[in-house]
C-alpha atoms as a PDB file:
ATOM      1  CA  MET A   1     -21.728 -20.442  50.615  1.00  0.00           C
ATOM      2  CA  LYS A   2     -21.692 -22.898  53.505  1.00  0.00           C
ATOM      3  CA  ARG A   3     -18.083 -23.829  52.666  1.00  0.00           C
ATOM      4  CA  ILE A   4     -17.004 -20.184  52.784  1.00  0.00           C
ATOM      5  CA  VAL A   5     -18.651 -19.678  56.169  1.00  0.00           C
ATOM      6  CA  LEU A   6     -17.073 -22.886  57.448  1.00  0.00           C
ATOM      7  CA  ALA A   7     -13.638 -21.866  56.159  1.00  0.00           C
ATOM      8  CA  VAL A   8     -13.899 -18.444  57.806  1.00  0.00           C
ATOM      9  CA  ALA A   9     -15.075 -19.986  61.083  1.00  0.00           C
ATOM     10  CA  CYS A  10     -12.191 -22.491  61.062  1.00  0.00           C
ATOM     11  CA  THR A  11      -9.687 -19.729  60.317  1.00  0.00           C
ATOM     12  CA  LEU A  12     -11.005 -17.597  63.186  1.00  0.00           C
ATOM     13  CA  ALA A  13     -10.941 -20.534  65.585  1.00  0.00           C
ATOM     14  CA  PHE A  14      -7.382 -21.425  64.530  1.00  0.00           C
ATOM     15  CA  THR A  15      -6.257 -17.798  64.963  1.00  0.00           C
ATOM     16  CA  ALA A  16      -7.824 -17.612  68.433  1.00  0.00           C
ATOM     17  CA  ALA A  17      -6.160 -20.918  69.385  1.00  0.00           C
ATOM     18  CA  ARG A  18      -2.765 -19.628  68.158  1.00  0.00           C
ATOM     19  CA  ALA A  19      -3.178 -16.466  70.241  1.00  0.00           C
ATOM     20  CA  GLU A  20      -3.918 -18.566  73.316  1.00  0.00           C
ATOM     21  CA  ASP A  21      -0.915 -20.787  72.558  1.00  0.00           C
ATOM     22  CA  GLY A  22       1.246 -17.676  72.153  1.00  0.00           C
ATOM     23  CA  LYS A  23      -0.002 -16.311  75.452  1.00  0.00           C
ATOM     24  CA  ALA A  24       0.767 -19.589  77.239  1.00  0.00           C
ATOM     25  CA  VAL A  25       4.275 -19.839  75.775  1.00  0.00           C
ATOM     26  CA  PHE A  26       4.904 -16.152  76.541  1.00  0.00           C
ATOM     27  CA  ALA A  27       3.820 -16.729  80.150  1.00  0.00           C
ATOM     28  CA  ALA A  28       6.119 -19.745  80.472  1.00  0.00           C
ATOM     29  CA  LYS A  29       9.204 -18.468  78.648  1.00  0.00           C
ATOM     30  CA  CYS A  30       9.113 -14.668  78.400  1.00  0.00           C
ATOM     31  CA  ALA A  31       7.166 -13.204  81.306  1.00  0.00           C
ATOM     32  CA  SER A  32       9.958 -13.669  83.856  1.00  0.00           C
ATOM     33  CA  CYS A  33      11.850 -10.831  82.144  1.00  0.00           C
ATOM     34  CA  HIS A  34       9.225  -9.052  80.038  1.00  0.00           C
ATOM     35  CA  GLY A  35       6.459  -9.330  82.653  1.00  0.00           C
ATOM     36  CA  PRO A  36       3.006 -10.802  82.092  1.00  0.00           C
ATOM     37  CA  ASP A  37       1.912  -7.534  80.466  1.00  0.00           C
ATOM     38  CA  GLY A  38       5.054  -7.193  78.305  1.00  0.00           C
ATOM     39  CA  LYS A  39       6.150  -3.934  79.905  1.00  0.00           C
ATOM     40  CA  GLY A  40       9.397  -5.323  81.311  1.00  0.00           C
ATOM     41  CA  GLN A  41       8.683  -4.134  84.832  1.00  0.00           C
ATOM     42  CA  THR A  42      10.117  -7.149  86.608  1.00  0.00           C
ATOM     43  CA  LYS A  43      13.275  -7.360  88.690  1.00  0.00           C
ATOM     44  CA  MET A  44      15.051  -9.269  85.940  1.00  0.00           C
ATOM     45  CA  GLY A  45      13.614  -7.045  83.222  1.00  0.00           C
ATOM     46  CA  GLU A  46      14.824  -3.914  84.967  1.00  0.00           C
ATOM     47  CA  LYS A  47      18.233  -5.469  85.624  1.00  0.00           C
ATOM     48  CA  LEU A  48      18.627  -6.383  81.953  1.00  0.00           C
ATOM     49  CA  GLY A  49      17.039  -3.215  80.612  1.00  0.00           C
ATOM     50  CA  VAL A  50      14.463  -5.059  78.498  1.00  0.00           C
ATOM     51  CA  LYS A  51      12.279  -3.027  76.186  1.00  0.00           C
ATOM     52  CA  ASP A  52       8.587  -2.433  76.757  1.00  0.00           C
ATOM     53  CA  LEU A  53       6.931  -4.775  74.253  1.00  0.00           C
ATOM     54  CA  THR A  54       3.679  -2.825  74.406  1.00  0.00           C
ATOM     55  CA  LYS A  55       5.464  -0.002  72.585  1.00  0.00           C
ATOM     56  CA  THR A  56       7.441  -2.025  70.055  1.00  0.00           C
ATOM     57  CA  THR A  57       7.659  -0.692  66.530  1.00  0.00           C
ATOM     58  CA  LEU A  58       9.100  -3.956  65.219  1.00  0.00           C
ATOM     59  CA  SER A  59       7.096  -5.836  62.620  1.00  0.00           C
ATOM     60  CA  GLN A  60       5.726  -9.250  63.504  1.00  0.00           C
ATOM     61  CA  ALA A  61       8.433 -10.800  61.316  1.00  0.00           C
ATOM     62  CA  ASP A  62      11.125  -8.885  63.220  1.00  0.00           C
ATOM     63  CA  VAL A  63       9.637  -9.941  66.566  1.00  0.00           C
ATOM     64  CA  GLN A  64       9.674 -13.541  65.347  1.00  0.00           C
ATOM     65  CA  LYS A  65      13.300 -13.244  64.234  1.00  0.00           C
ATOM     66  CA  THR A  66      14.263 -11.747  67.616  1.00  0.00           C
ATOM     67  CA  ILE A  67      12.604 -14.649  69.413  1.00  0.00           C
ATOM     68  CA  GLU A  68      14.484 -17.097  67.183  1.00  0.00           C
ATOM     69  CA  THR A  69      17.923 -15.473  67.424  1.00  0.00           C
ATOM     70  CA  GLY A  70      17.691 -13.768  70.811  1.00  0.00           C
ATOM     71  CA  LYS A  71      19.538 -10.614  71.793  1.00  0.00           C
ATOM     72  CA  PRO A  72      22.928 -11.777  73.059  1.00  0.00           C
ATOM     73  CA  PRO A  73      24.043 -11.634  75.760  1.00  0.00           C
ATOM     74  CA  LYS A  74      20.736 -10.779  77.434  1.00  0.00           C
ATOM     75  CA  MET A  75      18.058 -12.740  75.599  1.00  0.00           C
ATOM     76  CA  THR A  76      18.299 -16.454  74.931  1.00  0.00           C
ATOM     77  CA  PRO A  77      17.676 -17.564  71.358  1.00  0.00           C
ATOM     78  CA  TYR A  78      14.664 -19.875  71.202  1.00  0.00           C
ATOM     79  CA  LYS A  79      15.296 -21.441  67.775  1.00  0.00           C
ATOM     80  CA  GLY A  80      15.512 -25.166  68.485  1.00  0.00           C
ATOM     81  CA  LYS A  81      14.063 -24.723  71.981  1.00  0.00           C
ATOM     82  CA  LEU A  82      10.575 -23.815  70.784  1.00  0.00           C
ATOM     83  CA  SER A  83       8.878 -25.128  67.678  1.00  0.00           C
ATOM     84  CA  ASP A  84       8.488 -22.823  64.690  1.00  0.00           C
ATOM     85  CA  SER A  85       4.745 -22.669  65.353  1.00  0.00           C
ATOM     86  CA  GLU A  86       5.299 -21.719  69.008  1.00  0.00           C
ATOM     87  CA  ILE A  87       7.700 -18.947  67.991  1.00  0.00           C
ATOM     88  CA  LYS A  88       5.209 -17.665  65.442  1.00  0.00           C
ATOM     89  CA  ALA A  89       2.377 -17.818  68.002  1.00  0.00           C
ATOM     90  CA  VAL A  90       4.404 -15.783  70.515  1.00  0.00           C
ATOM     91  CA  ALA A  91       5.231 -13.193  67.852  1.00  0.00           C
ATOM     92  CA  GLU A  92       1.537 -12.987  66.944  1.00  0.00           C
ATOM     93  CA  TYR A  93       0.650 -12.598  70.617  1.00  0.00           C
ATOM     94  CA  VAL A  94       3.207  -9.822  71.113  1.00  0.00           C
ATOM     95  CA  LYS A  95       2.087  -7.904  68.015  1.00  0.00           C
ATOM     96  CA  GLY A  96      -1.604  -8.721  68.229  1.00  0.00           C
ATOM     97  CA  THR A  97      -2.282  -8.385  71.938  1.00  0.00           C
ATOM     98  CA  LEU A  98       0.543  -6.759  73.855  1.00  0.00           C
ATOM     99  CA  SER A  99       1.477  -3.996  71.442  1.00  0.00           C
ATOM    100  CA  LYS A 100      -2.025  -2.650  70.794  1.00  0.00           C
END
């Protein structure tokens, strides 16, 4: 029983840490266009016509793929610029926090 509780606690702590990592990477790499709240209401976001991430209907896997491959010519692909875990954390942050 103690092992199950410990495993659940570790999983929750890891998930919370990933969300914080995703938030930090989003703030550093994405917020200049998408805004800190993901709504795209920045000068650059309006100029590029970025979508409001709080209303995305994309799955987390599709968000992750978009981060990896970008949206040429507007959005830079981040595959090779961010680690796979950073990309996944940002996708989790977008789907788990911004789009609720």
